[in-house]
Amino acid sequence: MTELRAGSAKSVLHFDVQGSVAKSTHPSIPWLRFLRQHLGWRVHFWPFDGWQLPPGRSAITEVYPVLWSCGFARAERTGDSA
């Protein structure tokens, strides 16, 4: 579904190229493993552990905000930008 929505997928093996996700992906993998080992069933890696989030579990998801914001009109900002 992500590839359909995004239009294309980017390889996690391409470093130092425009739009690269490798530099953020590779250091994150050990942390995800750490969470799985220490939290076990209490954490749900969506969608890999299933599409439905069981009650009482925390969810870890990968989110691309631009994929959702492209489908909505931007609100005009008012006031200061701080």
PDB file of N, CA and C in Angstrom:
ATOM      1  N   MET A   1       0.823  -1.192   0.000  1.00  0.00           N
ATOM      2  CA  MET A   1       0.000   0.000   0.000  1.00  0.00           C
ATOM      3  C   MET A   1       0.872   1.264   0.000  1.00  0.00           C
ATOM      4  N   THR A   2       1.987   1.207   0.713  1.00  0.00           N
ATOM      5  CA  THR A   2       2.864   2.376   0.752  1.00  0.00           C
ATOM      6  C   THR A   2       3.395   2.705  -0.629  1.00  0.00           C
ATOM      7  N   GLU A   3       3.816   1.681  -1.364  1.00  0.00           N
ATOM      8  CA  GLU A   3       4.346   1.915  -2.699  1.00  0.00           C
ATOM      9  C   GLU A   3       3.281   2.486  -3.629  1.00  0.00           C
ATOM     10  N   LEU A   4       2.050   2.026  -3.502  1.00  0.00           N
ATOM     11  CA  LEU A   4       0.973   2.569  -4.327  1.00  0.00           C
ATOM     12  C   LEU A   4       0.726   4.028  -4.002  1.00  0.00           C
ATOM     13  N   ARG A   5       0.692   4.345  -2.715  1.00  0.00           N
ATOM     14  CA  ARG A   5       0.430   5.719  -2.285  1.00  0.00           C
ATOM     15  C   ARG A   5       1.589   6.653  -2.622  1.00  0.00           C
ATOM     16  N   ALA A   6       2.830   6.150  -2.431  1.00  0.00           N
ATOM     17  CA  ALA A   6       4.015   6.985  -2.642  1.00  0.00           C
ATOM     18  C   ALA A   6       4.369   7.128  -4.124  1.00  0.00           C
ATOM     19  N   GLY A   7       3.954   6.179  -4.928  1.00  0.00           N
ATOM     20  CA  GLY A   7       4.299   6.221  -6.339  1.00  0.00           C
ATOM     21  C   GLY A   7       5.564   5.449  -6.649  1.00  0.00           C
ATOM     22  N   SER A   8       6.438   5.305  -5.670  1.00  0.00           N
ATOM     23  CA  SER A   8       7.651   4.505  -5.838  1.00  0.00           C
ATOM     24  C   SER A   8       8.267   4.280  -4.468  1.00  0.00           C
ATOM     25  N   ALA A   9       9.093   3.281  -4.379  1.00  0.00           N
ATOM     26  CA  ALA A   9       9.799   2.994  -3.130  1.00  0.00           C
ATOM     27  C   ALA A   9      11.268   3.332  -3.324  1.00  0.00           C
ATOM     28  N   LYS A  10      11.926   3.695  -2.243  1.00  0.00           N
ATOM     29  CA  LYS A  10      13.347   4.002  -2.306  1.00  0.00           C
ATOM     30  C   LYS A  10      14.118   2.904  -1.578  1.00  0.00           C
ATOM     31  N   SER A  11      15.236   2.516  -2.124  1.00  0.00           N
ATOM     32  CA  SER A  11      16.046   1.473  -1.515  1.00  0.00           C
ATOM     33  C   SER A  11      16.717   1.990  -0.248  1.00  0.00           C
ATOM     34  N   VAL A  12      16.784   1.153   0.759  1.00  0.00           N
ATOM     35  CA  VAL A  12      17.479   1.517   2.000  1.00  0.00           C
ATOM     36  C   VAL A  12      18.980   1.298   1.854  1.00  0.00           C
ATOM     37  N   LEU A  13      19.438   0.897   0.675  1.00  0.00           N
ATOM     38  CA  LEU A  13      20.857   0.663   0.453  1.00  0.00           C
ATOM     39  C   LEU A  13      21.534   1.799  -0.315  1.00  0.00           C
ATOM     40  N   HIS A  14      20.802   2.801  -0.740  1.00  0.00           N
ATOM     41  CA  HIS A  14      21.387   3.932  -1.461  1.00  0.00           C
ATOM     42  C   HIS A  14      21.687   5.072  -0.485  1.00  0.00           C
ATOM     43  N   PHE A  15      22.972   5.262  -0.200  1.00  0.00           N
ATOM     44  CA  PHE A  15      23.411   6.354   0.667  1.00  0.00           C
ATOM     45  C   PHE A  15      23.805   7.546  -0.196  1.00  0.00           C
ATOM     46  N   ASP A  16      23.723   8.726   0.365  1.00  0.00           N
ATOM     47  CA  ASP A  16      24.189   9.960  -0.276  1.00  0.00           C
ATOM     48  C   ASP A  16      23.602  10.230  -1.650  1.00  0.00           C
ATOM     49  N   VAL A  17      22.320   9.963  -1.813  1.00  0.00           N
ATOM     50  CA  VAL A  17      21.613  10.345  -3.030  1.00  0.00           C
ATOM     51  C   VAL A  17      20.353  11.104  -2.623  1.00  0.00           C
ATOM     52  N   GLN A  18      19.822  11.882  -3.520  1.00  0.00           N
ATOM     53  CA  GLN A  18      18.624  12.661  -3.248  1.00  0.00           C
ATOM     54  C   GLN A  18      17.488  11.756  -2.776  1.00  0.00           C
ATOM     55  N   GLY A  19      16.875  12.094  -1.672  1.00  0.00           N
ATOM     56  CA  GLY A  19      15.752  11.335  -1.156  1.00  0.00           C
ATOM     57  C   GLY A  19      16.154  10.060  -0.428  1.00  0.00           C
ATOM     58  N   SER A  20      17.433   9.913  -0.114  1.00  0.00           N
ATOM     59  CA  SER A  20      17.924   8.703   0.537  1.00  0.00           C
ATOM     60  C   SER A  20      17.312   8.515   1.919  1.00  0.00           C
ATOM     61  N   VAL A  21      16.937   7.279   2.201  1.00  0.00           N
ATOM     62  CA  VAL A  21      16.427   6.945   3.531  1.00  0.00           C
ATOM     63  C   VAL A  21      17.419   6.060   4.279  1.00  0.00           C
ATOM     64  N   ALA A  22      18.521   5.710   3.634  1.00  0.00           N
ATOM     65  CA  ALA A  22      19.481   4.774   4.216  1.00  0.00           C
ATOM     66  C   ALA A  22      20.103   5.294   5.508  1.00  0.00           C
ATOM     67  N   LYS A  23      20.460   6.569   5.551  1.00  0.00           N
ATOM     68  CA  LYS A  23      21.134   7.105   6.734  1.00  0.00           C
ATOM     69  C   LYS A  23      20.240   7.094   7.972  1.00  0.00           C
ATOM     70  N   SER A  24      18.961   7.163   7.802  1.00  0.00           N
ATOM     71  CA  SER A  24      18.060   7.100   8.958  1.00  0.00           C
ATOM     72  C   SER A  24      17.576   5.678   9.223  1.00  0.00           C
ATOM     73  N   THR A  25      17.507   4.859   8.198  1.00  0.00           N
ATOM     74  CA  THR A  25      17.022   3.487   8.359  1.00  0.00           C
ATOM     75  C   THR A  25      18.023   2.603   9.086  1.00  0.00           C
ATOM     76  N   HIS A  26      19.238   2.578   8.634  1.00  0.00           N
ATOM     77  CA  HIS A  26      20.223   1.639   9.174  1.00  0.00           C
ATOM     78  C   HIS A  26      20.503   1.829  10.663  1.00  0.00           C
ATOM     79  N   PRO A  27      20.668   3.042  11.187  1.00  0.00           N
ATOM     80  CA  PRO A  27      20.892   3.154  12.632  1.00  0.00           C
ATOM     81  C   PRO A  27      19.644   2.834  13.459  1.00  0.00           C
ATOM     82  N   SER A  28      18.480   2.853  12.839  1.00  0.00           N
ATOM     83  CA  SER A  28      17.235   2.580  13.565  1.00  0.00           C
ATOM     84  C   SER A  28      16.986   1.093  13.784  1.00  0.00           C
ATOM     85  N   ILE A  29      17.494   0.258  12.909  1.00  0.00           N
ATOM     86  CA  ILE A  29      17.211  -1.175  12.976  1.00  0.00           C
ATOM     87  C   ILE A  29      17.624  -1.796  14.312  1.00  0.00           C
ATOM     88  N   PRO A  30      18.824  -1.521  14.842  1.00  0.00           N
ATOM     89  CA  PRO A  30      19.165  -2.094  16.147  1.00  0.00           C
ATOM     90  C   PRO A  30      18.230  -1.645  17.267  1.00  0.00           C
ATOM     91  N   TRP A  31      17.730  -0.413  17.198  1.00  0.00           N
ATOM     92  CA  TRP A  31      16.793   0.065  18.228  1.00  0.00           C
ATOM     93  C   TRP A  31      15.467  -0.664  18.136  1.00  0.00           C
ATOM     94  N   LEU A  32      15.010  -0.943  16.926  1.00  0.00           N
ATOM     95  CA  LEU A  32      13.774  -1.703  16.768  1.00  0.00           C
ATOM     96  C   LEU A  32      13.933  -3.115  17.318  1.00  0.00           C
ATOM     97  N   ARG A  33      15.073  -3.715  17.072  1.00  0.00           N
ATOM     98  CA  ARG A  33      15.359  -5.055  17.617  1.00  0.00           C
ATOM     99  C   ARG A  33      15.391  -5.010  19.148  1.00  0.00           C
ATOM    100  N   PHE A  34      16.025  -3.981  19.689  1.00  0.00           N
ATOM    101  CA  PHE A  34      16.083  -3.807  21.146  1.00  0.00           C
ATOM    102  C   PHE A  34      14.676  -3.722  21.738  1.00  0.00           C
ATOM    103  N   LEU A  35      13.815  -2.922  21.111  1.00  0.00           N
ATOM    104  CA  LEU A  35      12.435  -2.787  21.589  1.00  0.00           C
ATOM    105  C   LEU A  35      11.695  -4.115  21.536  1.00  0.00           C
ATOM    106  N   ARG A  36      11.856  -4.840  20.450  1.00  0.00           N
ATOM    107  CA  ARG A  36      11.192  -6.141  20.317  1.00  0.00           C
ATOM    108  C   ARG A  36      11.665  -7.105  21.410  1.00  0.00           C
ATOM    109  N   GLN A  37      12.967  -7.141  21.643  1.00  0.00           N
ATOM    110  CA  GLN A  37      13.518  -8.062  22.644  1.00  0.00           C
ATOM    111  C   GLN A  37      13.074  -7.711  24.066  1.00  0.00           C
ATOM    112  N   HIS A  38      12.967  -6.426  24.366  1.00  0.00           N
ATOM    113  CA  HIS A  38      12.651  -6.006  25.725  1.00  0.00           C
ATOM    114  C   HIS A  38      11.162  -5.823  25.996  1.00  0.00           C
ATOM    115  N   LEU A  39      10.390  -5.576  24.978  1.00  0.00           N
ATOM    116  CA  LEU A  39       8.959  -5.365  25.174  1.00  0.00           C
ATOM    117  C   LEU A  39       8.108  -6.554  24.729  1.00  0.00           C
ATOM    118  N   GLY A  40       8.670  -7.391  23.873  1.00  0.00           N
ATOM    119  CA  GLY A  40       7.960  -8.594  23.432  1.00  0.00           C
ATOM    120  C   GLY A  40       6.564  -8.297  22.915  1.00  0.00           C
ATOM    121  N   TRP A  41       5.571  -8.959  23.465  1.00  0.00           N
ATOM    122  CA  TRP A  41       4.188  -8.865  22.990  1.00  0.00           C
ATOM    123  C   TRP A  41       3.544  -7.508  23.271  1.00  0.00           C
ATOM    124  N   ARG A  42       4.152  -6.679  24.114  1.00  0.00           N
ATOM    125  CA  ARG A  42       3.542  -5.380  24.462  1.00  0.00           C
ATOM    126  C   ARG A  42       3.652  -4.351  23.346  1.00  0.00           C
ATOM    127  N   VAL A  43       4.507  -4.611  22.355  1.00  0.00           N
ATOM    128  CA  VAL A  43       4.656  -3.677  21.244  1.00  0.00           C
ATOM    129  C   VAL A  43       4.199  -4.362  19.958  1.00  0.00           C
ATOM    130  N   HIS A  44       3.533  -3.596  19.104  1.00  0.00           N
ATOM    131  CA  HIS A  44       2.998  -4.093  17.841  1.00  0.00           C
ATOM    132  C   HIS A  44       3.671  -3.308  16.723  1.00  0.00           C
ATOM    133  N   PHE A  45       4.454  -3.995  15.888  1.00  0.00           N
ATOM    134  CA  PHE A  45       5.084  -3.345  14.743  1.00  0.00           C
ATOM    135  C   PHE A  45       4.099  -3.427  13.578  1.00  0.00           C
ATOM    136  N   TRP A  46       3.445  -2.303  13.308  1.00  0.00           N
ATOM    137  CA  TRP A  46       2.398  -2.266  12.294  1.00  0.00           C
ATOM    138  C   TRP A  46       3.019  -1.962  10.939  1.00  0.00           C
ATOM    139  N   PRO A  47       2.692  -2.630   9.891  1.00  0.00           N
ATOM    140  CA  PRO A  47       1.711  -3.696   9.736  1.00  0.00           C
ATOM    141  C   PRO A  47       2.323  -5.094   9.835  1.00  0.00           C
ATOM    142  N   PHE A  48       3.607  -5.199  10.182  1.00  0.00           N
ATOM    143  CA  PHE A  48       4.310  -6.482  10.143  1.00  0.00           C
ATOM    144  C   PHE A  48       3.758  -7.501  11.134  1.00  0.00           C
ATOM    145  N   ASP A  49       3.235  -7.029  12.264  1.00  0.00           N
ATOM    146  CA  ASP A  49       2.627  -7.939  13.241  1.00  0.00           C
ATOM    147  C   ASP A  49       1.136  -8.127  12.992  1.00  0.00           C
ATOM    148  N   GLY A  50       0.643  -7.575  11.905  1.00  0.00           N
ATOM    149  CA  GLY A  50      -0.772  -7.670  11.560  1.00  0.00           C
ATOM    150  C   GLY A  50      -1.382  -6.290  11.417  1.00  0.00           C
ATOM    151  N   TRP A  51      -2.467  -6.233  10.671  1.00  0.00           N
ATOM    152  CA  TRP A  51      -3.114  -4.942  10.387  1.00  0.00           C
ATOM    153  C   TRP A  51      -3.898  -4.417  11.570  1.00  0.00           C
ATOM    154  N   GLN A  52      -4.410  -5.300  12.409  1.00  0.00           N
ATOM    155  CA  GLN A  52      -5.223  -4.886  13.556  1.00  0.00           C
ATOM    156  C   GLN A  52      -4.339  -4.750  14.789  1.00  0.00           C
ATOM    157  N   LEU A  53      -4.447  -3.622  15.462  1.00  0.00           N
ATOM    158  CA  LEU A  53      -3.699  -3.384  16.690  1.00  0.00           C
ATOM    159  C   LEU A  53      -4.475  -3.975  17.860  1.00  0.00           C
ATOM    160  N   PRO A  54      -3.926  -4.987  18.540  1.00  0.00           N
ATOM    161  CA  PRO A  54      -4.626  -5.594  19.667  1.00  0.00           C
ATOM    162  C   PRO A  54      -4.760  -4.614  20.839  1.00  0.00           C
ATOM    163  N   PRO A  55      -5.812  -4.737  21.620  1.00  0.00           N
ATOM    164  CA  PRO A  55      -5.999  -3.859  22.778  1.00  0.00           C
ATOM    165  C   PRO A  55      -4.830  -3.979  23.748  1.00  0.00           C
ATOM    166  N   GLY A  56      -4.441  -2.868  24.342  1.00  0.00           N
ATOM    167  CA  GLY A  56      -3.403  -2.863  25.353  1.00  0.00           C
ATOM    168  C   GLY A  56      -1.980  -2.868  24.829  1.00  0.00           C
ATOM    169  N   ARG A  57      -1.813  -2.753  23.530  1.00  0.00           N
ATOM    170  CA  ARG A  57      -0.461  -2.733  22.953  1.00  0.00           C
ATOM    171  C   ARG A  57      -0.124  -1.347  22.424  1.00  0.00           C
ATOM    172  N   SER A  58       1.157  -1.024  22.485  1.00  0.00           N
ATOM    173  CA  SER A  58       1.659   0.187  21.842  1.00  0.00           C
ATOM    174  C   SER A  58       2.048  -0.178  20.422  1.00  0.00           C
ATOM    175  N   ALA A  59       1.932   0.774  19.518  1.00  0.00           N
ATOM    176  CA  ALA A  59       2.238   0.508  18.111  1.00  0.00           C
ATOM    177  C   ALA A  59       3.438   1.325  17.658  1.00  0.00           C
ATOM    178  N   ILE A  60       4.266   0.689  16.848  1.00  0.00           N
ATOM    179  CA  ILE A  60       5.359   1.378  16.175  1.00  0.00           C
ATOM    180  C   ILE A  60       5.059   1.283  14.692  1.00  0.00           C
ATOM    181  N   THR A  61       5.010   2.441  14.042  1.00  0.00           N
ATOM    182  CA  THR A  61       4.703   2.493  12.618  1.00  0.00           C
ATOM    183  C   THR A  61       5.705   3.397  11.915  1.00  0.00           C
ATOM    184  N   GLU A  62       5.841   3.218  10.629  1.00  0.00           N
ATOM    185  CA  GLU A  62       6.647   4.131   9.832  1.00  0.00           C
ATOM    186  C   GLU A  62       5.677   5.053   9.109  1.00  0.00           C
ATOM    187  N   VAL A  63       5.888   6.337   9.281  1.00  0.00           N
ATOM    188  CA  VAL A  63       4.939   7.315   8.770  1.00  0.00           C
ATOM    189  C   VAL A  63       5.639   8.277   7.815  1.00  0.00           C
ATOM    190  N   TYR A  64       5.006   8.547   6.711  1.00  0.00           N
ATOM    191  CA  TYR A  64       5.463   9.545   5.752  1.00  0.00           C
ATOM    192  C   TYR A  64       4.436  10.672   5.728  1.00  0.00           C
ATOM    193  N   PRO A  65       4.600  11.693   6.546  1.00  0.00           N
ATOM    194  CA  PRO A  65       3.590  12.755   6.623  1.00  0.00           C
ATOM    195  C   PRO A  65       3.228  13.382   5.287  1.00  0.00           C
ATOM    196  N   VAL A  66       4.197  13.508   4.381  1.00  0.00           N
ATOM    197  CA  VAL A  66       3.911  14.146   3.099  1.00  0.00           C
ATOM    198  C   VAL A  66       2.890  13.341   2.295  1.00  0.00           C
ATOM    199  N   LEU A  67       2.843  12.024   2.484  1.00  0.00           N
ATOM    200  CA  LEU A  67       1.884  11.215   1.739  1.00  0.00           C
ATOM    201  C   LEU A  67       0.455  11.565   2.119  1.00  0.00           C
ATOM    202  N   TRP A  68       0.254  11.954   3.367  1.00  0.00           N
ATOM    203  CA  TRP A  68      -1.085  12.304   3.824  1.00  0.00           C
ATOM    204  C   TRP A  68      -1.382  13.774   3.565  1.00  0.00           C
ATOM    205  N   SER A  69      -0.396  14.651   3.771  1.00  0.00           N
ATOM    206  CA  SER A  69      -0.649  16.082   3.626  1.00  0.00           C
ATOM    207  C   SER A  69      -0.881  16.488   2.176  1.00  0.00           C
ATOM    208  N   CYS A  70      -0.372  15.718   1.219  1.00  0.00           N
ATOM    209  CA  CYS A  70      -0.581  16.048  -0.196  1.00  0.00           C
ATOM    210  C   CYS A  70      -2.056  15.970  -0.586  1.00  0.00           C
ATOM    211  N   GLY A  71      -2.822  15.194   0.146  1.00  0.00           N
ATOM    212  CA  GLY A  71      -4.228  15.024  -0.192  1.00  0.00           C
ATOM    213  C   GLY A  71      -5.142  16.067   0.425  1.00  0.00           C
ATOM    214  N   PHE A  72      -4.574  17.033   1.178  1.00  0.00           N
ATOM    215  CA  PHE A  72      -5.385  18.025   1.863  1.00  0.00           C
ATOM    216  C   PHE A  72      -4.901  19.425   1.525  1.00  0.00           C
ATOM    217  N   ALA A  73      -5.819  20.364   1.454  1.00  0.00           N
ATOM    218  CA  ALA A  73      -5.454  21.760   1.210  1.00  0.00           C
ATOM    219  C   ALA A  73      -4.723  22.301   2.428  1.00  0.00           C
ATOM    220  N   ARG A  74      -3.719  23.104   2.184  1.00  0.00           N
ATOM    221  CA  ARG A  74      -2.968  23.708   3.287  1.00  0.00           C
ATOM    222  C   ARG A  74      -3.717  24.922   3.820  1.00  0.00           C
ATOM    223  N   ALA A  75      -3.754  25.004   5.138  1.00  0.00           N
ATOM    224  CA  ALA A  75      -4.373  26.162   5.777  1.00  0.00           C
ATOM    225  C   ALA A  75      -3.411  27.337   5.703  1.00  0.00           C
ATOM    226  N   GLU A  76      -3.946  28.512   5.501  1.00  0.00           N
ATOM    227  CA  GLU A  76      -3.111  29.695   5.455  1.00  0.00           C
ATOM    228  C   GLU A  76      -2.683  30.048   6.878  1.00  0.00           C
ATOM    229  N   ARG A  77      -1.376  30.261   7.052  1.00  0.00           N
ATOM    230  CA  ARG A  77      -0.858  30.569   8.380  1.00  0.00           C
ATOM    231  C   ARG A  77      -1.041  32.048   8.679  1.00  0.00           C
ATOM    232  N   THR A  78      -1.366  32.300   9.917  1.00  0.00           N
ATOM    233  CA  THR A  78      -1.487  33.684  10.374  1.00  0.00           C
ATOM    234  C   THR A  78      -0.623  33.861  11.603  1.00  0.00           C
ATOM    235  N   GLY A  79      -0.292  35.085  11.925  1.00  0.00           N
ATOM    236  CA  GLY A  79       0.521  35.343  13.107  1.00  0.00           C
ATOM    237  C   GLY A  79       1.992  35.097  12.846  1.00  0.00           C
ATOM    238  N   ASP A  80       2.770  35.089  13.950  1.00  0.00           N
ATOM    239  CA  ASP A  80       4.196  34.889  13.760  1.00  0.00           C
ATOM    240  C   ASP A  80       4.493  33.415  13.514  1.00  0.00           C
ATOM    241  N   SER A  81       5.666  33.144  12.962  1.00  0.00           N
ATOM    242  CA  SER A  81       6.014  31.784  12.561  1.00  0.00           C
ATOM    243  C   SER A  81       6.751  31.015  13.644  1.00  0.00           C
ATOM    244  N   ALA A  82       6.846  31.564  14.847  1.00  0.00           N
ATOM    245  CA  ALA A  82       7.572  30.874  15.929  1.00  0.00           C
ATOM    246  C   ALA A  82       6.771  29.744  16.511  1.00  0.00           C
TER     247      ALA A  82
END
